[in-house]
Amino acid sequence: MKTPKLRLKLTFDSGLTLGPGKADLLQGIAADGSISAAGRRMRMSYKRAWMLVEEMNAAFEAPLVESSRGGASGGGARLTAAGEAVLAHYRKLEAITLTQGADEISGIARLLKDATE
């Protein structure tokens, strides 16, 4: 039996949804130092990546991503302390859910039809 994937999606009263896509985008920005590069890695348009960053920045008390325009030194983006904290909390919640919910996930998986039938 193949191990199922967990796709944790949090929906807040404010209307913000934080799920694996936004978390992966934040992680990509942290790794690449660029919103466009993070978006490309995810096969997402630059416009879509920017829209998601703007949505997250507007939803939190402090922006999660700080960007600078291009120029002689080139532009870039980085996670703020708030962005790093949100990403760390989300990843920890994923890990807790996988660890603490392993028995329940296995129980559900055992009730699935055999894919070879």
PDB file of N, CA and C in Angstrom:
ATOM      1  N   MET A   1       0.848  -1.190   0.000  1.00  0.00           N
ATOM      2  CA  MET A   1       0.000   0.000   0.000  1.00  0.00           C
ATOM      3  C   MET A   1       0.885   1.241   0.000  1.00  0.00           C
ATOM      4  N   LYS A   2       0.581   2.151  -0.876  1.00  0.00           N
ATOM      5  CA  LYS A   2       1.311   3.403  -0.981  1.00  0.00           C
ATOM      6  C   LYS A   2       0.884   4.328   0.157  1.00  0.00           C
ATOM      7  N   THR A   3       1.841   5.075   0.715  1.00  0.00           N
ATOM      8  CA  THR A   3       1.537   6.002   1.792  1.00  0.00           C
ATOM      9  C   THR A   3       0.776   7.199   1.232  1.00  0.00           C
ATOM     10  N   PRO A   4      -0.378   7.530   1.828  1.00  0.00           N
ATOM     11  CA  PRO A   4      -1.135   8.678   1.318  1.00  0.00           C
ATOM     12  C   PRO A   4      -0.415   9.987   1.620  1.00  0.00           C
ATOM     13  N   LYS A   5      -0.706  10.998   0.809  1.00  0.00           N
ATOM     14  CA  LYS A   5      -0.168  12.332   1.028  1.00  0.00           C
ATOM     15  C   LYS A   5      -1.131  13.103   1.910  1.00  0.00           C
ATOM     16  N   LEU A   6      -0.593  13.950   2.743  1.00  0.00           N
ATOM     17  CA  LEU A   6      -1.407  14.827   3.572  1.00  0.00           C
ATOM     18  C   LEU A   6      -1.417  16.209   2.940  1.00  0.00           C
ATOM     19  N   ARG A   7      -2.590  16.766   2.743  1.00  0.00           N
ATOM     20  CA  ARG A   7      -2.733  18.123   2.223  1.00  0.00           C
ATOM     21  C   ARG A   7      -3.526  18.913   3.252  1.00  0.00           C
ATOM     22  N   LEU A   8      -2.809  19.547   4.136  1.00  0.00           N
ATOM     23  CA  LEU A   8      -3.412  20.298   5.225  1.00  0.00           C
ATOM     24  C   LEU A   8      -3.829  21.677   4.734  1.00  0.00           C
ATOM     25  N   LYS A   9      -5.087  22.011   4.926  1.00  0.00           N
ATOM     26  CA  LYS A   9      -5.621  23.296   4.484  1.00  0.00           C
ATOM     27  C   LYS A   9      -6.328  23.952   5.661  1.00  0.00           C
ATOM     28  N   LEU A  10      -5.861  25.115   6.042  1.00  0.00           N
ATOM     29  CA  LEU A  10      -6.455  25.875   7.142  1.00  0.00           C
ATOM     30  C   LEU A  10      -7.282  27.011   6.554  1.00  0.00           C
ATOM     31  N   THR A  11      -8.509  27.153   7.024  1.00  0.00           N
ATOM     32  CA  THR A  11      -9.367  28.248   6.590  1.00  0.00           C
ATOM     33  C   THR A  11      -9.708  29.073   7.818  1.00  0.00           C
ATOM     34  N   PHE A  12      -9.367  30.340   7.779  1.00  0.00           N
ATOM     35  CA  PHE A  12      -9.561  31.231   8.915  1.00  0.00           C
ATOM     36  C   PHE A  12     -10.820  32.066   8.738  1.00  0.00           C
ATOM     37  N   ASP A  13     -11.354  32.582   9.837  1.00  0.00           N
ATOM     38  CA  ASP A  13     -12.560  33.417   9.797  1.00  0.00           C
ATOM     39  C   ASP A  13     -12.379  34.627   8.884  1.00  0.00           C
ATOM     40  N   SER A  14     -11.151  35.093   8.743  1.00  0.00           N
ATOM     41  CA  SER A  14     -10.876  36.260   7.894  1.00  0.00           C
ATOM     42  C   SER A  14     -11.075  35.957   6.414  1.00  0.00           C
ATOM     43  N   GLY A  15     -11.196  34.658   6.089  1.00  0.00           N
ATOM     44  CA  GLY A  15     -11.332  34.257   4.695  1.00  0.00           C
ATOM     45  C   GLY A  15     -10.042  33.728   4.112  1.00  0.00           C
ATOM     46  N   LEU A  16      -8.930  33.914   4.815  1.00  0.00           N
ATOM     47  CA  LEU A  16      -7.652  33.409   4.328  1.00  0.00           C
ATOM     48  C   LEU A  16      -7.636  31.891   4.397  1.00  0.00           C
ATOM     49  N   THR A  17      -7.169  31.283   3.336  1.00  0.00           N
ATOM     50  CA  THR A  17      -6.914  29.850   3.314  1.00  0.00           C
ATOM     51  C   THR A  17      -5.409  29.679   3.192  1.00  0.00           C
ATOM     52  N   LEU A  18      -4.853  28.869   4.078  1.00  0.00           N
ATOM     53  CA  LEU A  18      -3.423  28.578   4.042  1.00  0.00           C
ATOM     54  C   LEU A  18      -3.275  27.082   3.877  1.00  0.00           C
ATOM     55  N   GLY A  19      -2.721  26.701   2.737  1.00  0.00           N
ATOM     56  CA  GLY A  19      -2.566  25.288   2.445  1.00  0.00           C
ATOM     57  C   GLY A  19      -1.194  25.000   1.871  1.00  0.00           C
ATOM     58  N   PRO A  20      -1.044  23.818   1.296  1.00  0.00           N
ATOM     59  CA  PRO A  20       0.273  23.408   0.811  1.00  0.00           C
ATOM     60  C   PRO A  20       0.825  24.297  -0.302  1.00  0.00           C
ATOM     61  N   GLY A  21      -0.032  24.843  -1.150  1.00  0.00           N
ATOM     62  CA  GLY A  21       0.454  25.700  -2.230  1.00  0.00           C
ATOM     63  C   GLY A  21       1.106  26.966  -1.713  1.00  0.00           C
ATOM     64  N   LYS A  22       0.439  27.647  -0.800  1.00  0.00           N
ATOM     65  CA  LYS A  22       1.006  28.882  -0.248  1.00  0.00           C
ATOM     66  C   LYS A  22       2.240  28.580   0.598  1.00  0.00           C
ATOM     67  N   ALA A  23       2.194  27.479   1.343  1.00  0.00           N
ATOM     68  CA  ALA A  23       3.369  27.103   2.135  1.00  0.00           C
ATOM     69  C   ALA A  23       4.553  26.798   1.225  1.00  0.00           C
ATOM     70  N   ASP A  24       4.304  26.068   0.136  1.00  0.00           N
ATOM     71  CA  ASP A  24       5.382  25.766  -0.811  1.00  0.00           C
ATOM     72  C   ASP A  24       5.909  27.037  -1.474  1.00  0.00           C
ATOM     73  N   LEU A  25       5.017  27.984  -1.760  1.00  0.00           N
ATOM     74  CA  LEU A  25       5.440  29.256  -2.340  1.00  0.00           C
ATOM     75  C   LEU A  25       6.347  30.001  -1.361  1.00  0.00           C
ATOM     76  N   LEU A  26       5.945  30.072  -0.097  1.00  0.00           N
ATOM     77  CA  LEU A  26       6.789  30.722   0.913  1.00  0.00           C
ATOM     78  C   LEU A  26       8.144  30.031   1.012  1.00  0.00           C
ATOM     79  N   GLN A  27       8.127  28.714   1.011  1.00  0.00           N
ATOM     80  CA  GLN A  27       9.373  27.963   1.104  1.00  0.00           C
ATOM     81  C   GLN A  27      10.254  28.221  -0.121  1.00  0.00           C
ATOM     82  N   GLY A  28       9.640  28.303  -1.288  1.00  0.00           N
ATOM     83  CA  GLY A  28      10.389  28.597  -2.504  1.00  0.00           C
ATOM     84  C   GLY A  28      10.997  29.989  -2.489  1.00  0.00           C
ATOM     85  N   ILE A  29      10.257  30.953  -1.976  1.00  0.00           N
ATOM     86  CA  ILE A  29      10.783  32.320  -1.865  1.00  0.00           C
ATOM     87  C   ILE A  29      11.975  32.335  -0.916  1.00  0.00           C
ATOM     88  N   ALA A  30      11.856  31.614   0.195  1.00  0.00           N
ATOM     89  CA  ALA A  30      12.966  31.538   1.145  1.00  0.00           C
ATOM     90  C   ALA A  30      14.198  30.908   0.496  1.00  0.00           C
ATOM     91  N   ALA A  31      13.981  29.879  -0.302  1.00  0.00           N
ATOM     92  CA  ALA A  31      15.100  29.164  -0.927  1.00  0.00           C
ATOM     93  C   ALA A  31      15.700  29.930  -2.107  1.00  0.00           C
ATOM     94  N   ASP A  32      14.838  30.547  -2.929  1.00  0.00           N
ATOM     95  CA  ASP A  32      15.297  31.166  -4.171  1.00  0.00           C
ATOM     96  C   ASP A  32      15.560  32.661  -4.058  1.00  0.00           C
ATOM     97  N   GLY A  33      14.988  33.296  -3.048  1.00  0.00           N
ATOM     98  CA  GLY A  33      15.139  34.742  -2.926  1.00  0.00           C
ATOM     99  C   GLY A  33      14.386  35.498  -4.005  1.00  0.00           C
ATOM    100  N   SER A  34      13.348  34.856  -4.560  1.00  0.00           N
ATOM    101  CA  SER A  34      12.627  35.458  -5.679  1.00  0.00           C
ATOM    102  C   SER A  34      11.215  34.896  -5.746  1.00  0.00           C
ATOM    103  N   ILE A  35      10.242  35.782  -5.895  1.00  0.00           N
ATOM    104  CA  ILE A  35       8.853  35.353  -6.059  1.00  0.00           C
ATOM    105  C   ILE A  35       8.686  34.680  -7.418  1.00  0.00           C
ATOM    106  N   SER A  36       9.271  35.270  -8.455  1.00  0.00           N
ATOM    107  CA  SER A  36       9.110  34.699  -9.797  1.00  0.00           C
ATOM    108  C   SER A  36       9.774  33.322  -9.892  1.00  0.00           C
ATOM    109  N   ALA A  37      10.950  33.156  -9.310  1.00  0.00           N
ATOM    110  CA  ALA A  37      11.627  31.855  -9.354  1.00  0.00           C
ATOM    111  C   ALA A  37      10.841  30.807  -8.573  1.00  0.00           C
ATOM    112  N   ALA A  38      10.310  31.199  -7.433  1.00  0.00           N
ATOM    113  CA  ALA A  38       9.501  30.265  -6.639  1.00  0.00           C
ATOM    114  C   ALA A  38       8.255  29.862  -7.416  1.00  0.00           C
ATOM    115  N   GLY A  39       7.633  30.823  -8.083  1.00  0.00           N
ATOM    116  CA  GLY A  39       6.456  30.532  -8.895  1.00  0.00           C
ATOM    117  C   GLY A  39       6.784  29.609 -10.055  1.00  0.00           C
ATOM    118  N   ARG A  40       7.893  29.887 -10.746  1.00  0.00           N
ATOM    119  CA  ARG A  40       8.305  29.034 -11.870  1.00  0.00           C
ATOM    120  C   ARG A  40       8.533  27.601 -11.411  1.00  0.00           C
ATOM    121  N   ARG A  41       9.161  27.445 -10.263  1.00  0.00           N
ATOM    122  CA  ARG A  41       9.429  26.112  -9.731  1.00  0.00           C
ATOM    123  C   ARG A  41       8.121  25.345  -9.524  1.00  0.00           C
ATOM    124  N   MET A  42       7.069  26.076  -9.199  1.00  0.00           N
ATOM    125  CA  MET A  42       5.768  25.463  -8.947  1.00  0.00           C
ATOM    126  C   MET A  42       4.894  25.448 -10.203  1.00  0.00           C
ATOM    127  N   ARG A  43       5.457  25.876 -11.339  1.00  0.00           N
ATOM    128  CA  ARG A  43       4.716  25.982 -12.602  1.00  0.00           C
ATOM    129  C   ARG A  43       3.514  26.923 -12.455  1.00  0.00           C
ATOM    130  N   MET A  44       3.781  28.036 -11.819  1.00  0.00           N
ATOM    131  CA  MET A  44       2.763  29.038 -11.537  1.00  0.00           C
ATOM    132  C   MET A  44       3.193  30.330 -12.227  1.00  0.00           C
ATOM    133  N   SER A  45       2.244  31.057 -12.757  1.00  0.00           N
ATOM    134  CA  SER A  45       2.591  32.321 -13.405  1.00  0.00           C
ATOM    135  C   SER A  45       3.090  33.312 -12.356  1.00  0.00           C
ATOM    136  N   TYR A  46       3.880  34.254 -12.850  1.00  0.00           N
ATOM    137  CA  TYR A  46       4.394  35.310 -11.977  1.00  0.00           C
ATOM    138  C   TYR A  46       3.228  36.084 -11.351  1.00  0.00           C
ATOM    139  N   LYS A  47       2.215  36.360 -12.174  1.00  0.00           N
ATOM    140  CA  LYS A  47       1.044  37.107 -11.686  1.00  0.00           C
ATOM    141  C   LYS A  47       0.348  36.355 -10.556  1.00  0.00           C
ATOM    142  N   ARG A  48       0.176  35.051 -10.727  1.00  0.00           N
ATOM    143  CA  ARG A  48      -0.480  34.236  -9.695  1.00  0.00           C
ATOM    144  C   ARG A  48       0.351  34.209  -8.411  1.00  0.00           C
ATOM    145  N   ALA A  49       1.661  34.044  -8.542  1.00  0.00           N
ATOM    146  CA  ALA A  49       2.535  34.024  -7.368  1.00  0.00           C
ATOM    147  C   ALA A  49       2.451  35.355  -6.623  1.00  0.00           C
ATOM    148  N   TRP A  50       2.499  36.461  -7.364  1.00  0.00           N
ATOM    149  CA  TRP A  50       2.386  37.777  -6.749  1.00  0.00           C
ATOM    150  C   TRP A  50       1.039  37.956  -6.057  1.00  0.00           C
ATOM    151  N   MET A  51      -0.014  37.501  -6.697  1.00  0.00           N
ATOM    152  CA  MET A  51      -1.349  37.627  -6.121  1.00  0.00           C
ATOM    153  C   MET A  51      -1.433  36.885  -4.779  1.00  0.00           C
ATOM    154  N   LEU A  52      -0.863  35.677  -4.729  1.00  0.00           N
ATOM    155  CA  LEU A  52      -0.887  34.898  -3.495  1.00  0.00           C
ATOM    156  C   LEU A  52      -0.063  35.570  -2.402  1.00  0.00           C
ATOM    157  N   VAL A  53       1.088  36.117  -2.772  1.00  0.00           N
ATOM    158  CA  VAL A  53       1.921  36.832  -1.799  1.00  0.00           C
ATOM    159  C   VAL A  53       1.171  38.050  -1.274  1.00  0.00           C
ATOM    160  N   GLU A  54       0.546  38.808  -2.174  1.00  0.00           N
ATOM    161  CA  GLU A  54      -0.210  39.989  -1.748  1.00  0.00           C
ATOM    162  C   GLU A  54      -1.368  39.602  -0.822  1.00  0.00           C
ATOM    163  N   GLU A  55      -2.034  38.495  -1.135  1.00  0.00           N
ATOM    164  CA  GLU A  55      -3.136  38.013  -0.298  1.00  0.00           C
ATOM    165  C   GLU A  55      -2.633  37.670   1.104  1.00  0.00           C
ATOM    166  N   MET A  56      -1.517  36.957   1.175  1.00  0.00           N
ATOM    167  CA  MET A  56      -0.969  36.594   2.488  1.00  0.00           C
ATOM    168  C   MET A  56      -0.480  37.827   3.236  1.00  0.00           C
ATOM    169  N   ASN A  57       0.217  38.722   2.540  1.00  0.00           N
ATOM    170  CA  ASN A  57       0.718  39.931   3.199  1.00  0.00           C
ATOM    171  C   ASN A  57      -0.417  40.763   3.774  1.00  0.00           C
ATOM    172  N   ALA A  58      -1.539  40.836   3.074  1.00  0.00           N
ATOM    173  CA  ALA A  58      -2.678  41.631   3.535  1.00  0.00           C
ATOM    174  C   ALA A  58      -3.410  40.972   4.710  1.00  0.00           C
ATOM    175  N   ALA A  59      -3.323  39.653   4.808  1.00  0.00           N
ATOM    176  CA  ALA A  59      -4.094  38.924   5.816  1.00  0.00           C
ATOM    177  C   ALA A  59      -3.453  38.916   7.203  1.00  0.00           C
ATOM    178  N   PHE A  60      -2.145  39.099   7.254  1.00  0.00           N
ATOM    179  CA  PHE A  60      -1.444  39.018   8.538  1.00  0.00           C
ATOM    180  C   PHE A  60      -1.108  40.415   9.050  1.00  0.00           C
ATOM    181  N   GLU A  61      -0.889  40.508  10.363  1.00  0.00           N
ATOM    182  CA  GLU A  61      -0.565  41.798  10.982  1.00  0.00           C
ATOM    183  C   GLU A  61       0.705  42.397  10.399  1.00  0.00           C
ATOM    184  N   ALA A  62       1.652  41.547  10.063  1.00  0.00           N
ATOM    185  CA  ALA A  62       2.900  41.988   9.436  1.00  0.00           C
ATOM    186  C   ALA A  62       3.052  41.213   8.124  1.00  0.00           C
ATOM    187  N   PRO A  63       3.629  41.822   7.109  1.00  0.00           N
ATOM    188  CA  PRO A  63       3.806  41.107   5.844  1.00  0.00           C
ATOM    189  C   PRO A  63       4.667  39.860   6.024  1.00  0.00           C
ATOM    190  N   LEU A  64       4.391  38.842   5.211  1.00  0.00           N
ATOM    191  CA  LEU A  64       5.167  37.605   5.270  1.00  0.00           C
ATOM    192  C   LEU A  64       6.346  37.645   4.306  1.00  0.00           C
ATOM    193  N   VAL A  65       6.201  38.427   3.242  1.00  0.00           N
ATOM    194  CA  VAL A  65       7.233  38.516   2.207  1.00  0.00           C
ATOM    195  C   VAL A  65       7.565  39.982   1.969  1.00  0.00           C
ATOM    196  N   GLU A  66       8.846  40.261   1.884  1.00  0.00           N
ATOM    197  CA  GLU A  66       9.338  41.598   1.582  1.00  0.00           C
ATOM    198  C   GLU A  66      10.057  41.505   0.238  1.00  0.00           C
ATOM    199  N   SER A  67       9.732  42.415  -0.665  1.00  0.00           N
ATOM    200  CA  SER A  67      10.365  42.354  -1.980  1.00  0.00           C
ATOM    201  C   SER A  67      11.010  43.679  -2.314  1.00  0.00           C
ATOM    202  N   SER A  68      11.986  43.588  -3.218  1.00  0.00           N
ATOM    203  CA  SER A  68      12.625  44.803  -3.722  1.00  0.00           C
ATOM    204  C   SER A  68      12.627  44.734  -5.241  1.00  0.00           C
ATOM    205  N   ARG A  69      12.466  45.874  -5.870  1.00  0.00           N
ATOM    206  CA  ARG A  69      12.423  45.956  -7.328  1.00  0.00           C
ATOM    207  C   ARG A  69      13.790  45.657  -7.916  1.00  0.00           C
ATOM    208  N   GLY A  70      13.752  45.256  -9.169  1.00  0.00           N
ATOM    209  CA  GLY A  70      14.993  45.000  -9.892  1.00  0.00           C
ATOM    210  C   GLY A  70      15.761  46.289 -10.123  1.00  0.00           C
ATOM    211  N   GLY A  71      16.854  46.176 -10.741  1.00  0.00           N
ATOM    212  CA  GLY A  71      17.709  47.332 -11.014  1.00  0.00           C
ATOM    213  C   GLY A  71      19.113  46.824 -11.226  1.00  0.00           C
ATOM    214  N   ALA A  72      20.082  47.671 -10.991  1.00  0.00           N
ATOM    215  CA  ALA A  72      21.483  47.283 -11.192  1.00  0.00           C
ATOM    216  C   ALA A  72      21.855  46.083 -10.332  1.00  0.00           C
ATOM    217  N   SER A  73      21.365  46.077  -9.093  1.00  0.00           N
ATOM    218  CA  SER A  73      21.691  44.965  -8.189  1.00  0.00           C
ATOM    219  C   SER A  73      20.670  43.839  -8.287  1.00  0.00           C
ATOM    220  N   GLY A  74      19.651  44.008  -9.103  1.00  0.00           N
ATOM    221  CA  GLY A  74      18.621  42.979  -9.241  1.00  0.00           C
ATOM    222  C   GLY A  74      17.625  43.058  -8.108  1.00  0.00           C
ATOM    223  N   GLY A  75      16.441  42.602  -8.359  1.00  0.00           N
ATOM    224  CA  GLY A  75      15.408  42.599  -7.332  1.00  0.00           C
ATOM    225  C   GLY A  75      15.507  41.329  -6.524  1.00  0.00           C
ATOM    226  N   GLY A  76      14.508  41.108  -5.737  1.00  0.00           N
ATOM    227  CA  GLY A  76      14.495  39.890  -4.952  1.00  0.00           C
ATOM    228  C   GLY A  76      13.384  39.928  -3.933  1.00  0.00           C
ATOM    229  N   ALA A  77      13.278  38.856  -3.208  1.00  0.00           N
ATOM    230  CA  ALA A  77      12.263  38.763  -2.161  1.00  0.00           C
ATOM    231  C   ALA A  77      12.802  37.874  -1.054  1.00  0.00           C
ATOM    232  N   ARG A  78      12.293  38.120   0.120  1.00  0.00           N
ATOM    233  CA  ARG A  78      12.684  37.287   1.256  1.00  0.00           C
ATOM    234  C   ARG A  78      11.521  37.194   2.218  1.00  0.00           C
ATOM    235  N   LEU A  79      11.535  36.135   3.013  1.00  0.00           N
ATOM    236  CA  LEU A  79      10.524  36.025   4.059  1.00  0.00           C
ATOM    237  C   LEU A  79      10.910  36.951   5.200  1.00  0.00           C
ATOM    238  N   THR A  80       9.913  37.589   5.769  1.00  0.00           N
ATOM    239  CA  THR A  80      10.127  38.380   6.979  1.00  0.00           C
ATOM    240  C   THR A  80      10.127  37.415   8.164  1.00  0.00           C
ATOM    241  N   ALA A  81      10.361  37.934   9.342  1.00  0.00           N
ATOM    242  CA  ALA A  81      10.292  37.097  10.545  1.00  0.00           C
ATOM    243  C   ALA A  81       8.900  36.480  10.672  1.00  0.00           C
ATOM    244  N   ALA A  82       7.874  37.260  10.329  1.00  0.00           N
ATOM    245  CA  ALA A  82       6.499  36.736  10.382  1.00  0.00           C
ATOM    246  C   ALA A  82       6.316  35.625   9.366  1.00  0.00           C
ATOM    247  N   GLY A  83       6.873  35.788   8.168  1.00  0.00           N
ATOM    248  CA  GLY A  83       6.782  34.761   7.136  1.00  0.00           C
ATOM    249  C   GLY A  83       7.480  33.480   7.556  1.00  0.00           C
ATOM    250  N   GLU A  84       8.650  33.617   8.140  1.00  0.00           N
ATOM    251  CA  GLU A  84       9.378  32.445   8.627  1.00  0.00           C
ATOM    252  C   GLU A  84       8.582  31.734   9.719  1.00  0.00           C
ATOM    253  N   ALA A  85       7.958  32.515  10.603  1.00  0.00           N
ATOM    254  CA  ALA A  85       7.171  31.929  11.693  1.00  0.00           C
ATOM    255  C   ALA A  85       5.941  31.199  11.158  1.00  0.00           C
ATOM    256  N   VAL A  86       5.216  31.818  10.231  1.00  0.00           N
ATOM    257  CA  VAL A  86       4.020  31.183   9.660  1.00  0.00           C
ATOM    258  C   VAL A  86       4.402  29.879   8.973  1.00  0.00           C
ATOM    259  N   LEU A  87       5.461  29.899   8.171  1.00  0.00           N
ATOM    260  CA  LEU A  87       5.898  28.693   7.471  1.00  0.00           C
ATOM    261  C   LEU A  87       6.324  27.612   8.467  1.00  0.00           C
ATOM    262  N   ALA A  88       7.067  27.983   9.494  1.00  0.00           N
ATOM    263  CA  ALA A  88       7.513  27.005  10.501  1.00  0.00           C
ATOM    264  C   ALA A  88       6.323  26.393  11.235  1.00  0.00           C
ATOM    265  N   HIS A  89       5.344  27.229  11.618  1.00  0.00           N
ATOM    266  CA  HIS A  89       4.150  26.708  12.301  1.00  0.00           C
ATOM    267  C   HIS A  89       3.371  25.756  11.400  1.00  0.00           C
ATOM    268  N   TYR A  90       3.224  26.124  10.138  1.00  0.00           N
ATOM    269  CA  TYR A  90       2.487  25.281   9.198  1.00  0.00           C
ATOM    270  C   TYR A  90       3.190  23.933   9.019  1.00  0.00           C
ATOM    271  N   ARG A  91       4.495  23.951   8.789  1.00  0.00           N
ATOM    272  CA  ARG A  91       5.242  22.700   8.596  1.00  0.00           C
ATOM    273  C   ARG A  91       5.213  21.840   9.860  1.00  0.00           C
ATOM    274  N   LYS A  92       5.283  22.465  11.016  1.00  0.00           N
ATOM    275  CA  LYS A  92       5.214  21.702  12.269  1.00  0.00           C
ATOM    276  C   LYS A  92       3.827  21.065  12.417  1.00  0.00           C
ATOM    277  N   LEU A  93       2.793  21.799  12.070  1.00  0.00           N
ATOM    278  CA  LEU A  93       1.433  21.267  12.134  1.00  0.00           C
ATOM    279  C   LEU A  93       1.270  20.083  11.182  1.00  0.00           C
ATOM    280  N   GLU A  94       1.856  20.169   9.990  1.00  0.00           N
ATOM    281  CA  GLU A  94       1.836  19.034   9.063  1.00  0.00           C
ATOM    282  C   GLU A  94       2.503  17.805   9.698  1.00  0.00           C
ATOM    283  N   ALA A  95       3.672  18.019  10.288  1.00  0.00           N
ATOM    284  CA  ALA A  95       4.420  16.907  10.890  1.00  0.00           C
ATOM    285  C   ALA A  95       3.652  16.291  12.057  1.00  0.00           C
ATOM    286  N   ILE A  96       3.055  17.129  12.885  1.00  0.00           N
ATOM    287  CA  ILE A  96       2.267  16.636  14.020  1.00  0.00           C
ATOM    288  C   ILE A  96       1.080  15.815  13.518  1.00  0.00           C
ATOM    289  N   THR A  97       0.405  16.329  12.512  1.00  0.00           N
ATOM    290  CA  THR A  97      -0.761  15.635  11.966  1.00  0.00           C
ATOM    291  C   THR A  97      -0.372  14.275  11.405  1.00  0.00           C
ATOM    292  N   LEU A  98       0.729  14.214  10.668  1.00  0.00           N
ATOM    293  CA  LEU A  98       1.183  12.935  10.125  1.00  0.00           C
ATOM    294  C   LEU A  98       1.568  11.960  11.230  1.00  0.00           C
ATOM    295  N   THR A  99       2.286  12.447  12.224  1.00  0.00           N
ATOM    296  CA  THR A  99       2.745  11.582  13.316  1.00  0.00           C
ATOM    297  C   THR A  99       1.586  11.149  14.207  1.00  0.00           C
ATOM    298  N   GLN A 100       0.846  12.115  14.703  1.00  0.00           N
ATOM    299  CA  GLN A 100      -0.242  11.828  15.644  1.00  0.00           C
ATOM    300  C   GLN A 100      -1.420  11.132  14.957  1.00  0.00           C
ATOM    301  N   GLY A 101      -1.593  11.372  13.672  1.00  0.00           N
ATOM    302  CA  GLY A 101      -2.726  10.786  12.954  1.00  0.00           C
ATOM    303  C   GLY A 101      -2.383   9.550  12.149  1.00  0.00           C
ATOM    304  N   ALA A 102      -1.177   9.007  12.326  1.00  0.00           N
ATOM    305  CA  ALA A 102      -0.726   7.866  11.517  1.00  0.00           C
ATOM    306  C   ALA A 102      -1.676   6.673  11.618  1.00  0.00           C
ATOM    307  N   ASP A 103      -2.152   6.360  12.820  1.00  0.00           N
ATOM    308  CA  ASP A 103      -3.060   5.220  12.982  1.00  0.00           C
ATOM    309  C   ASP A 103      -4.381   5.453  12.252  1.00  0.00           C
ATOM    310  N   GLU A 104      -4.901   6.667  12.338  1.00  0.00           N
ATOM    311  CA  GLU A 104      -6.166   6.972  11.676  1.00  0.00           C
ATOM    312  C   GLU A 104      -6.005   6.968  10.161  1.00  0.00           C
ATOM    313  N   ILE A 105      -4.876   7.509   9.680  1.00  0.00           N
ATOM    314  CA  ILE A 105      -4.617   7.507   8.245  1.00  0.00           C
ATOM    315  C   ILE A 105      -4.522   6.063   7.736  1.00  0.00           C
ATOM    316  N   SER A 106      -3.820   5.210   8.479  1.00  0.00           N
ATOM    317  CA  SER A 106      -3.713   3.792   8.097  1.00  0.00           C
ATOM    318  C   SER A 106      -5.071   3.113   8.133  1.00  0.00           C
ATOM    319  N   GLY A 107      -5.885   3.451   9.139  1.00  0.00           N
ATOM    320  CA  GLY A 107      -7.218   2.867   9.240  1.00  0.00           C
ATOM    321  C   GLY A 107      -8.081   3.210   8.045  1.00  0.00           C
ATOM    322  N   ILE A 108      -8.005   4.454   7.604  1.00  0.00           N
ATOM    323  CA  ILE A 108      -8.760   4.872   6.410  1.00  0.00           C
ATOM    324  C   ILE A 108      -8.217   4.152   5.186  1.00  0.00           C
ATOM    325  N   ALA A 109      -6.902   4.086   5.062  1.00  0.00           N
ATOM    326  CA  ALA A 109      -6.274   3.444   3.901  1.00  0.00           C
ATOM    327  C   ALA A 109      -6.650   1.966   3.814  1.00  0.00           C
ATOM    328  N   ARG A 110      -6.768   1.298   4.940  1.00  0.00           N
ATOM    329  CA  ARG A 110      -7.135  -0.123   4.938  1.00  0.00           C
ATOM    330  C   ARG A 110      -8.556  -0.351   4.433  1.00  0.00           C
ATOM    331  N   LEU A 111      -9.397   0.649   4.491  1.00  0.00           N
ATOM    332  CA  LEU A 111     -10.781   0.520   4.052  1.00  0.00           C
ATOM    333  C   LEU A 111     -10.972   0.832   2.557  1.00  0.00           C
ATOM    334  N   LEU A 112      -9.899   1.272   1.908  1.00  0.00           N
ATOM    335  CA  LEU A 112      -9.975   1.554   0.475  1.00  0.00           C
ATOM    336  C   LEU A 112     -10.041   0.274  -0.332  1.00  0.00           C
ATOM    337  N   LYS A 113     -10.638   0.375  -1.518  1.00  0.00           N
ATOM    338  CA  LYS A 113     -10.619  -0.763  -2.448  1.00  0.00           C
ATOM    339  C   LYS A 113      -9.182  -0.988  -2.892  1.00  0.00           C
ATOM    340  N   ASP A 114      -8.872  -2.221  -3.227  1.00  0.00           N
ATOM    341  CA  ASP A 114      -7.566  -2.552  -3.768  1.00  0.00           C
ATOM    342  C   ASP A 114      -7.472  -1.958  -5.176  1.00  0.00           C
ATOM    343  N   ALA A 115      -6.441  -1.155  -5.423  1.00  0.00           N
ATOM    344  CA  ALA A 115      -6.294  -0.473  -6.710  1.00  0.00           C
ATOM    345  C   ALA A 115      -6.034  -1.455  -7.854  1.00  0.00           C
ATOM    346  N   THR A 116      -5.641  -2.694  -7.544  1.00  0.00           N
ATOM    347  CA  THR A 116      -5.340  -3.678  -8.603  1.00  0.00           C
ATOM    348  C   THR A 116      -6.593  -4.415  -9.072  1.00  0.00           C
ATOM    349  N   GLU A 117      -7.700  -4.227  -8.372  1.00  0.00           N
ATOM    350  CA  GLU A 117      -8.948  -4.918  -8.760  1.00  0.00           C
ATOM    351  C   GLU A 117      -9.531  -4.356 -10.029  1.00  0.00           C
TER     352      GLU A 117
END
